[in-house]
Amino acid sequence: MTSAQKEIAASRKNTWYVEYLNKLDETALLPGSREYLTLLGENNIKIALGSASKNSPLILNKLNISSFFDAVIDGNTVSRAKPDPEVFLKGAEALGLAPEECVVFEDALAGIEAAKNGKMKVIGVGKPENLPGADRHISSLLDML
């Protein structure tokens, strides 16, 4: 593809993705998500979202879970991608916590590496064989209830 064709394809893909995001609602939440976020809030545990996506605010609003998060650090506020720990370090800072006081829930290897590079504990969400380096593994947030 030429550069122009790549730009057109990327723009089309982004348009489709945003159209999909605009159709999201609470039914798209993973099992246990709302319950676990509620439990954390009830116990005054600070919560930050760390994501590379620039669509995080839209997604959180569509899922009706924005109010659970004390901070949102996303592709609009970071310049370095995982496995660089920038997104998680900014999250810790926004919460007023030292990195060592934080636990990251992560479903991707680059995210686990980023959290470890930031000196944070990591709970891998998914199959342990796909998430080496996590301090603990769960299959879903239901395991945390």
N, C-alpha and C. Protein backbone atom coordinates (compact mmCIF):
# COMPACT_ATOMS: atom_id res chain seq x y z
N MET A 1 0.84 -1.18 0.00
CA MET A 1 0.00 0.00 0.00
C MET A 1 0.88 1.25 0.00
N THR A 2 0.41 2.26 -0.67
CA THR A 2 1.10 3.54 -0.64
C THR A 2 0.79 4.22 0.69
N SER A 3 1.51 5.26 1.01
CA SER A 3 1.26 6.02 2.24
C SER A 3 -0.16 6.57 2.26
N ALA A 4 -0.62 7.06 1.14
CA ALA A 4 -1.98 7.60 1.06
C ALA A 4 -3.02 6.50 1.29
N GLN A 5 -2.78 5.33 0.70
CA GLN A 5 -3.71 4.21 0.88
C GLN A 5 -3.72 3.75 2.34
N LYS A 6 -2.55 3.75 2.97
CA LYS A 6 -2.47 3.37 4.39
C LYS A 6 -3.25 4.35 5.26
N GLU A 7 -3.14 5.63 4.96
CA GLU A 7 -3.87 6.65 5.73
C GLU A 7 -5.38 6.47 5.57
N ILE A 8 -5.82 6.19 4.35
CA ILE A 8 -7.25 5.98 4.09
C ILE A 8 -7.73 4.74 4.85
N ALA A 9 -6.96 3.65 4.79
CA ALA A 9 -7.33 2.42 5.47
C ALA A 9 -7.37 2.62 6.99
N ALA A 10 -6.39 3.32 7.53
CA ALA A 10 -6.35 3.58 8.98
C ALA A 10 -7.52 4.45 9.40
N SER A 11 -7.85 5.45 8.60
CA SER A 11 -8.97 6.32 8.91
C SER A 11 -10.28 5.54 8.88
N ARG A 12 -10.43 4.68 7.89
CA ARG A 12 -11.64 3.85 7.78
C ARG A 12 -11.77 2.93 8.99
N LYS A 13 -10.65 2.30 9.37
CA LYS A 13 -10.64 1.41 10.53
C LYS A 13 -11.04 2.17 11.78
N ASN A 14 -10.49 3.35 11.98
CA ASN A 14 -10.80 4.15 13.16
C ASN A 14 -12.28 4.55 13.17
N THR A 15 -12.82 4.90 12.02
CA THR A 15 -14.23 5.27 11.92
C THR A 15 -15.10 4.09 12.33
N TRP A 16 -14.79 2.90 11.82
CA TRP A 16 -15.55 1.70 12.19
C TRP A 16 -15.43 1.44 13.69
N TYR A 17 -14.24 1.60 14.24
CA TYR A 17 -14.01 1.34 15.67
C TYR A 17 -14.82 2.31 16.53
N VAL A 18 -14.82 3.57 16.17
CA VAL A 18 -15.58 4.56 16.94
C VAL A 18 -17.09 4.28 16.81
N GLU A 19 -17.53 3.86 15.64
CA GLU A 19 -18.94 3.48 15.47
C GLU A 19 -19.29 2.32 16.40
N TYR A 20 -18.39 1.34 16.49
CA TYR A 20 -18.59 0.20 17.39
C TYR A 20 -18.64 0.69 18.84
N LEU A 21 -17.70 1.55 19.22
CA LEU A 21 -17.66 2.05 20.59
C LEU A 21 -18.93 2.80 20.96
N ASN A 22 -19.48 3.53 20.03
CA ASN A 22 -20.70 4.29 20.30
C ASN A 22 -21.91 3.39 20.54
N LYS A 23 -21.81 2.12 20.15
CA LYS A 23 -22.90 1.16 20.38
C LYS A 23 -22.73 0.40 21.69
N LEU A 24 -21.59 0.60 22.37
CA LEU A 24 -21.35 -0.09 23.64
C LEU A 24 -22.38 0.30 24.69
N ASP A 25 -22.65 -0.64 25.58
CA ASP A 25 -23.44 -0.33 26.76
C ASP A 25 -22.96 -1.25 27.88
N GLU A 26 -23.64 -1.21 29.01
CA GLU A 26 -23.21 -1.96 30.18
C GLU A 26 -23.17 -3.47 29.96
N THR A 27 -23.88 -3.96 28.97
CA THR A 27 -23.88 -5.41 28.71
C THR A 27 -22.52 -5.89 28.21
N ALA A 28 -21.67 -4.97 27.79
CA ALA A 28 -20.34 -5.35 27.29
C ALA A 28 -19.31 -5.51 28.41
N LEU A 29 -19.69 -5.17 29.64
CA LEU A 29 -18.77 -5.33 30.77
C LEU A 29 -18.45 -6.81 30.98
N LEU A 30 -17.20 -7.09 31.28
CA LEU A 30 -16.80 -8.46 31.57
C LEU A 30 -17.39 -8.89 32.91
N PRO A 31 -17.71 -10.18 33.06
CA PRO A 31 -18.30 -10.67 34.31
C PRO A 31 -17.44 -10.30 35.52
N GLY A 32 -18.09 -9.79 36.54
CA GLY A 32 -17.41 -9.43 37.78
C GLY A 32 -16.84 -8.03 37.82
N SER A 33 -16.80 -7.35 36.69
CA SER A 33 -16.17 -6.02 36.64
C SER A 33 -16.87 -5.01 37.54
N ARG A 34 -18.17 -4.83 37.34
CA ARG A 34 -18.89 -3.84 38.15
C ARG A 34 -18.85 -4.20 39.63
N GLU A 35 -19.03 -5.48 39.92
CA GLU A 35 -19.03 -5.91 41.32
C GLU A 35 -17.68 -5.66 41.98
N TYR A 36 -16.59 -5.94 41.27
CA TYR A 36 -15.27 -5.75 41.86
C TYR A 36 -14.96 -4.26 42.01
N LEU A 37 -15.29 -3.46 41.01
CA LEU A 37 -15.09 -2.01 41.12
C LEU A 37 -15.89 -1.45 42.30
N THR A 38 -17.10 -1.95 42.47
CA THR A 38 -17.93 -1.51 43.59
C THR A 38 -17.28 -1.89 44.92
N LEU A 39 -16.79 -3.11 45.02
CA LEU A 39 -16.13 -3.58 46.23
C LEU A 39 -14.91 -2.72 46.57
N LEU A 40 -14.11 -2.41 45.56
CA LEU A 40 -12.94 -1.56 45.80
C LEU A 40 -13.36 -0.19 46.31
N GLY A 41 -14.37 0.39 45.68
CA GLY A 41 -14.85 1.70 46.09
C GLY A 41 -15.38 1.70 47.51
N GLU A 42 -16.12 0.66 47.86
CA GLU A 42 -16.68 0.55 49.21
C GLU A 42 -15.58 0.45 50.27
N ASN A 43 -14.41 -0.03 49.86
CA ASN A 43 -13.29 -0.17 50.78
C ASN A 43 -12.27 0.96 50.63
N ASN A 44 -12.69 2.04 49.97
CA ASN A 44 -11.85 3.24 49.79
C ASN A 44 -10.50 2.94 49.16
N ILE A 45 -10.49 2.01 48.22
CA ILE A 45 -9.27 1.69 47.48
C ILE A 45 -9.28 2.51 46.21
N LYS A 46 -8.23 3.28 46.01
CA LYS A 46 -8.14 4.15 44.84
C LYS A 46 -7.94 3.31 43.58
N ILE A 47 -8.56 3.77 42.49
CA ILE A 47 -8.50 3.04 41.23
C ILE A 47 -8.12 3.98 40.09
N ALA A 48 -7.14 3.56 39.31
CA ALA A 48 -6.76 4.30 38.10
C ALA A 48 -6.86 3.35 36.92
N LEU A 49 -7.22 3.89 35.78
CA LEU A 49 -7.19 3.14 34.53
C LEU A 49 -5.94 3.55 33.78
N GLY A 50 -5.17 2.59 33.35
CA GLY A 50 -3.98 2.85 32.53
C GLY A 50 -4.15 2.15 31.20
N SER A 51 -4.30 2.92 30.13
CA SER A 51 -4.56 2.34 28.82
C SER A 51 -3.88 3.14 27.73
N ALA A 52 -3.50 2.47 26.67
CA ALA A 52 -2.93 3.16 25.51
C ALA A 52 -4.01 3.79 24.64
N SER A 53 -5.25 3.37 24.84
CA SER A 53 -6.35 3.85 24.00
C SER A 53 -6.63 5.33 24.23
N LYS A 54 -6.87 6.04 23.16
CA LYS A 54 -7.29 7.43 23.25
C LYS A 54 -8.80 7.54 23.40
N ASN A 55 -9.47 6.39 23.35
CA ASN A 55 -10.92 6.35 23.46
C ASN A 55 -11.40 5.96 24.86
N SER A 56 -10.50 5.94 25.83
CA SER A 56 -10.86 5.51 27.19
C SER A 56 -12.04 6.27 27.77
N PRO A 57 -12.08 7.60 27.70
CA PRO A 57 -13.23 8.30 28.28
C PRO A 57 -14.56 7.88 27.65
N LEU A 58 -14.58 7.72 26.34
CA LEU A 58 -15.79 7.28 25.65
C LEU A 58 -16.21 5.89 26.12
N ILE A 59 -15.26 4.98 26.19
CA ILE A 59 -15.55 3.61 26.61
C ILE A 59 -16.08 3.58 28.04
N LEU A 60 -15.42 4.29 28.95
CA LEU A 60 -15.86 4.32 30.34
C LEU A 60 -17.26 4.89 30.46
N ASN A 61 -17.56 5.94 29.71
CA ASN A 61 -18.90 6.53 29.73
C ASN A 61 -19.94 5.58 29.18
N LYS A 62 -19.64 4.94 28.06
CA LYS A 62 -20.59 4.01 27.45
C LYS A 62 -20.88 2.81 28.36
N LEU A 63 -19.86 2.36 29.09
CA LEU A 63 -20.04 1.24 30.01
C LEU A 63 -20.63 1.68 31.35
N ASN A 64 -20.76 2.99 31.53
CA ASN A 64 -21.31 3.58 32.75
C ASN A 64 -20.48 3.22 33.98
N ILE A 65 -19.14 3.32 33.83
CA ILE A 65 -18.25 3.01 34.96
C ILE A 65 -17.25 4.14 35.24
N SER A 66 -17.40 5.28 34.61
CA SER A 66 -16.47 6.39 34.82
C SER A 66 -16.33 6.77 36.27
N SER A 67 -17.43 6.74 37.01
CA SER A 67 -17.42 7.20 38.40
C SER A 67 -16.57 6.33 39.32
N PHE A 68 -16.22 5.14 38.90
CA PHE A 68 -15.41 4.26 39.73
C PHE A 68 -13.93 4.66 39.75
N PHE A 69 -13.49 5.42 38.76
CA PHE A 69 -12.07 5.69 38.60
C PHE A 69 -11.67 7.05 39.17
N ASP A 70 -10.63 7.02 39.98
CA ASP A 70 -10.08 8.25 40.57
C ASP A 70 -9.16 8.95 39.57
N ALA A 71 -8.62 8.19 38.62
CA ALA A 71 -7.73 8.76 37.60
C ALA A 71 -7.83 7.91 36.34
N VAL A 72 -7.69 8.58 35.20
CA VAL A 72 -7.64 7.89 33.91
C VAL A 72 -6.40 8.39 33.18
N ILE A 73 -5.48 7.47 32.96
CA ILE A 73 -4.26 7.78 32.22
C ILE A 73 -4.34 6.97 30.94
N ASP A 74 -4.35 7.67 29.81
CA ASP A 74 -4.55 6.96 28.54
C ASP A 74 -3.66 7.53 27.45
N GLY A 75 -3.95 7.12 26.23
CA GLY A 75 -3.15 7.55 25.08
C GLY A 75 -3.16 9.04 24.85
N ASN A 76 -4.07 9.75 25.50
CA ASN A 76 -4.09 11.21 25.40
C ASN A 76 -3.09 11.87 26.34
N THR A 77 -2.58 11.11 27.33
CA THR A 77 -1.70 11.70 28.34
C THR A 77 -0.33 11.05 28.44
N VAL A 78 -0.07 10.02 27.65
CA VAL A 78 1.25 9.37 27.67
C VAL A 78 1.88 9.43 26.28
N SER A 79 3.20 9.37 26.27
CA SER A 79 3.90 9.42 24.99
C SER A 79 4.66 8.13 24.68
N ARG A 80 4.81 7.27 25.69
CA ARG A 80 5.55 6.04 25.49
C ARG A 80 4.64 4.83 25.71
N ALA A 81 4.75 3.85 24.84
CA ALA A 81 3.90 2.66 24.91
C ALA A 81 4.48 1.61 25.84
N LYS A 82 3.61 0.74 26.33
CA LYS A 82 4.05 -0.41 27.10
C LYS A 82 4.97 -1.24 26.20
N PRO A 83 6.04 -1.77 26.71
CA PRO A 83 6.37 -2.08 28.09
C PRO A 83 7.03 -0.95 28.88
N ASP A 84 7.08 0.26 28.33
CA ASP A 84 7.53 1.38 29.14
C ASP A 84 6.49 1.58 30.26
N PRO A 85 6.92 1.83 31.48
CA PRO A 85 5.97 1.94 32.60
C PRO A 85 5.27 3.29 32.73
N GLU A 86 5.47 4.21 31.78
CA GLU A 86 4.94 5.57 31.91
C GLU A 86 3.47 5.60 32.31
N VAL A 87 2.62 4.82 31.64
CA VAL A 87 1.18 4.88 31.91
C VAL A 87 0.86 4.50 33.36
N PHE A 88 1.57 3.50 33.88
CA PHE A 88 1.31 3.06 35.25
C PHE A 88 1.93 4.00 36.27
N LEU A 89 3.11 4.53 35.97
CA LEU A 89 3.74 5.49 36.89
C LEU A 89 2.91 6.76 37.00
N LYS A 90 2.36 7.21 35.88
CA LYS A 90 1.48 8.40 35.92
C LYS A 90 0.20 8.09 36.71
N GLY A 91 -0.28 6.86 36.60
CA GLY A 91 -1.46 6.46 37.36
C GLY A 91 -1.18 6.49 38.86
N ALA A 92 -0.05 5.94 39.26
CA ALA A 92 0.33 5.95 40.68
C ALA A 92 0.46 7.39 41.18
N GLU A 93 1.11 8.22 40.39
CA GLU A 93 1.28 9.62 40.77
C GLU A 93 -0.08 10.32 40.92
N ALA A 94 -0.99 10.07 39.99
CA ALA A 94 -2.31 10.69 40.04
C ALA A 94 -3.09 10.26 41.29
N LEU A 95 -2.82 9.05 41.76
CA LEU A 95 -3.48 8.55 42.95
C LEU A 95 -2.76 8.95 44.23
N GLY A 96 -1.57 9.54 44.08
CA GLY A 96 -0.77 9.91 45.25
C GLY A 96 -0.14 8.72 45.93
N LEU A 97 0.19 7.70 45.15
CA LEU A 97 0.77 6.48 45.69
C LEU A 97 2.16 6.23 45.11
N ALA A 98 2.99 5.55 45.89
CA ALA A 98 4.27 5.08 45.39
C ALA A 98 4.00 3.88 44.49
N PRO A 99 4.80 3.68 43.47
CA PRO A 99 4.59 2.52 42.59
C PRO A 99 4.51 1.20 43.35
N GLU A 100 5.33 1.06 44.39
CA GLU A 100 5.36 -0.17 45.17
C GLU A 100 4.05 -0.43 45.92
N GLU A 101 3.20 0.57 46.04
CA GLU A 101 1.91 0.43 46.71
C GLU A 101 0.80 0.02 45.75
N CYS A 102 1.12 -0.10 44.47
CA CYS A 102 0.10 -0.34 43.45
C CYS A 102 0.09 -1.78 42.97
N VAL A 103 -1.10 -2.21 42.58
CA VAL A 103 -1.29 -3.51 41.94
C VAL A 103 -1.95 -3.25 40.60
N VAL A 104 -1.38 -3.81 39.55
CA VAL A 104 -1.90 -3.65 38.19
C VAL A 104 -2.59 -4.95 37.78
N PHE A 105 -3.79 -4.82 37.22
CA PHE A 105 -4.48 -5.96 36.61
C PHE A 105 -4.22 -5.84 35.12
N GLU A 106 -3.67 -6.89 34.52
CA GLU A 106 -3.22 -6.79 33.14
C GLU A 106 -3.50 -8.08 32.39
N ASP A 107 -3.91 -7.92 31.11
CA ASP A 107 -4.21 -9.10 30.29
C ASP A 107 -3.27 -9.25 29.11
N ALA A 108 -2.18 -8.48 29.09
CA ALA A 108 -1.23 -8.55 27.98
C ALA A 108 0.20 -8.57 28.51
N LEU A 109 1.05 -9.28 27.80
CA LEU A 109 2.44 -9.42 28.22
C LEU A 109 3.16 -8.07 28.31
N ALA A 110 2.95 -7.19 27.33
CA ALA A 110 3.62 -5.88 27.36
C ALA A 110 3.19 -5.08 28.60
N GLY A 111 1.93 -5.24 29.01
CA GLY A 111 1.45 -4.56 30.20
C GLY A 111 2.07 -5.12 31.47
N ILE A 112 2.23 -6.43 31.53
CA ILE A 112 2.90 -7.05 32.68
C ILE A 112 4.33 -6.54 32.77
N GLU A 113 5.01 -6.49 31.64
CA GLU A 113 6.39 -5.99 31.62
C GLU A 113 6.43 -4.52 32.05
N ALA A 114 5.47 -3.73 31.61
CA ALA A 114 5.42 -2.31 31.97
C ALA A 114 5.23 -2.14 33.47
N ALA A 115 4.30 -2.90 34.05
CA ALA A 115 4.06 -2.80 35.49
C ALA A 115 5.30 -3.23 36.27
N LYS A 116 5.92 -4.31 35.87
CA LYS A 116 7.14 -4.78 36.53
C LYS A 116 8.27 -3.76 36.37
N ASN A 117 8.38 -3.16 35.18
CA ASN A 117 9.39 -2.11 34.97
C ASN A 117 9.13 -0.91 35.87
N GLY A 118 7.88 -0.72 36.28
CA GLY A 118 7.51 0.36 37.18
C GLY A 118 7.55 -0.03 38.64
N LYS A 119 8.02 -1.26 38.94
CA LYS A 119 8.16 -1.76 40.32
C LYS A 119 6.81 -1.99 40.99
N MET A 120 5.81 -2.40 40.20
CA MET A 120 4.47 -2.67 40.73
C MET A 120 4.20 -4.17 40.74
N LYS A 121 3.27 -4.57 41.59
CA LYS A 121 2.79 -5.95 41.60
C LYS A 121 1.80 -6.09 40.45
N VAL A 122 1.71 -7.31 39.90
CA VAL A 122 0.83 -7.54 38.75
C VAL A 122 -0.01 -8.79 38.94
N ILE A 123 -1.30 -8.63 38.67
CA ILE A 123 -2.20 -9.77 38.59
C ILE A 123 -2.53 -9.96 37.12
N GLY A 124 -2.13 -11.10 36.58
CA GLY A 124 -2.42 -11.42 35.19
C GLY A 124 -3.84 -11.95 35.07
N VAL A 125 -4.61 -11.36 34.15
CA VAL A 125 -5.99 -11.78 33.94
C VAL A 125 -6.03 -12.59 32.65
N GLY A 126 -6.13 -13.89 32.81
CA GLY A 126 -6.12 -14.78 31.66
C GLY A 126 -5.32 -16.03 31.97
N LYS A 127 -4.94 -16.73 30.94
CA LYS A 127 -4.20 -17.99 31.11
C LYS A 127 -2.76 -17.71 31.56
N PRO A 128 -2.32 -18.35 32.63
CA PRO A 128 -0.96 -18.12 33.14
C PRO A 128 0.14 -18.32 32.11
N GLU A 129 -0.05 -19.30 31.22
CA GLU A 129 0.99 -19.56 30.22
C GLU A 129 1.13 -18.41 29.22
N ASN A 130 0.10 -17.59 29.10
CA ASN A 130 0.15 -16.43 28.20
C ASN A 130 0.65 -15.16 28.90
N LEU A 131 0.77 -15.22 30.23
CA LEU A 131 1.09 -14.03 31.01
C LEU A 131 2.23 -14.28 31.99
N PRO A 132 3.39 -14.72 31.48
CA PRO A 132 4.51 -14.97 32.38
C PRO A 132 4.97 -13.66 33.03
N GLY A 133 5.43 -13.79 34.26
CA GLY A 133 5.96 -12.63 34.97
C GLY A 133 4.97 -12.01 35.93
N ALA A 134 3.68 -12.37 35.82
CA ALA A 134 2.69 -11.85 36.76
C ALA A 134 2.93 -12.47 38.13
N ASP A 135 2.62 -11.71 39.18
CA ASP A 135 2.80 -12.20 40.54
C ASP A 135 1.69 -13.19 40.93
N ARG A 136 0.56 -13.04 40.29
CA ARG A 136 -0.60 -13.90 40.55
C ARG A 136 -1.43 -13.94 39.27
N HIS A 137 -2.21 -14.98 39.10
CA HIS A 137 -3.07 -15.10 37.91
C HIS A 137 -4.51 -15.35 38.34
N ILE A 138 -5.43 -14.76 37.62
CA ILE A 138 -6.86 -15.02 37.78
C ILE A 138 -7.44 -15.23 36.40
N SER A 139 -8.55 -15.93 36.33
CA SER A 139 -9.18 -16.14 35.01
C SER A 139 -10.11 -14.98 34.67
N SER A 140 -10.69 -14.34 35.70
CA SER A 140 -11.54 -13.17 35.47
C SER A 140 -11.65 -12.42 36.80
N LEU A 141 -12.27 -11.24 36.76
CA LEU A 141 -12.45 -10.47 37.99
C LEU A 141 -13.42 -11.16 38.95
N LEU A 142 -14.19 -12.13 38.48
CA LEU A 142 -15.03 -12.92 39.38
C LEU A 142 -14.20 -13.60 40.44
N ASP A 143 -12.95 -13.93 40.10
CA ASP A 143 -12.05 -14.60 41.05
C ASP A 143 -11.68 -13.68 42.22
N MET A 144 -11.91 -12.39 42.08
CA MET A 144 -11.53 -11.43 43.11
C MET A 144 -12.68 -11.16 44.09
N LEU A 145 -13.85 -11.68 43.80
CA LEU A 145 -15.01 -11.42 44.66
C LEU A 145 -15.10 -12.41 45.81
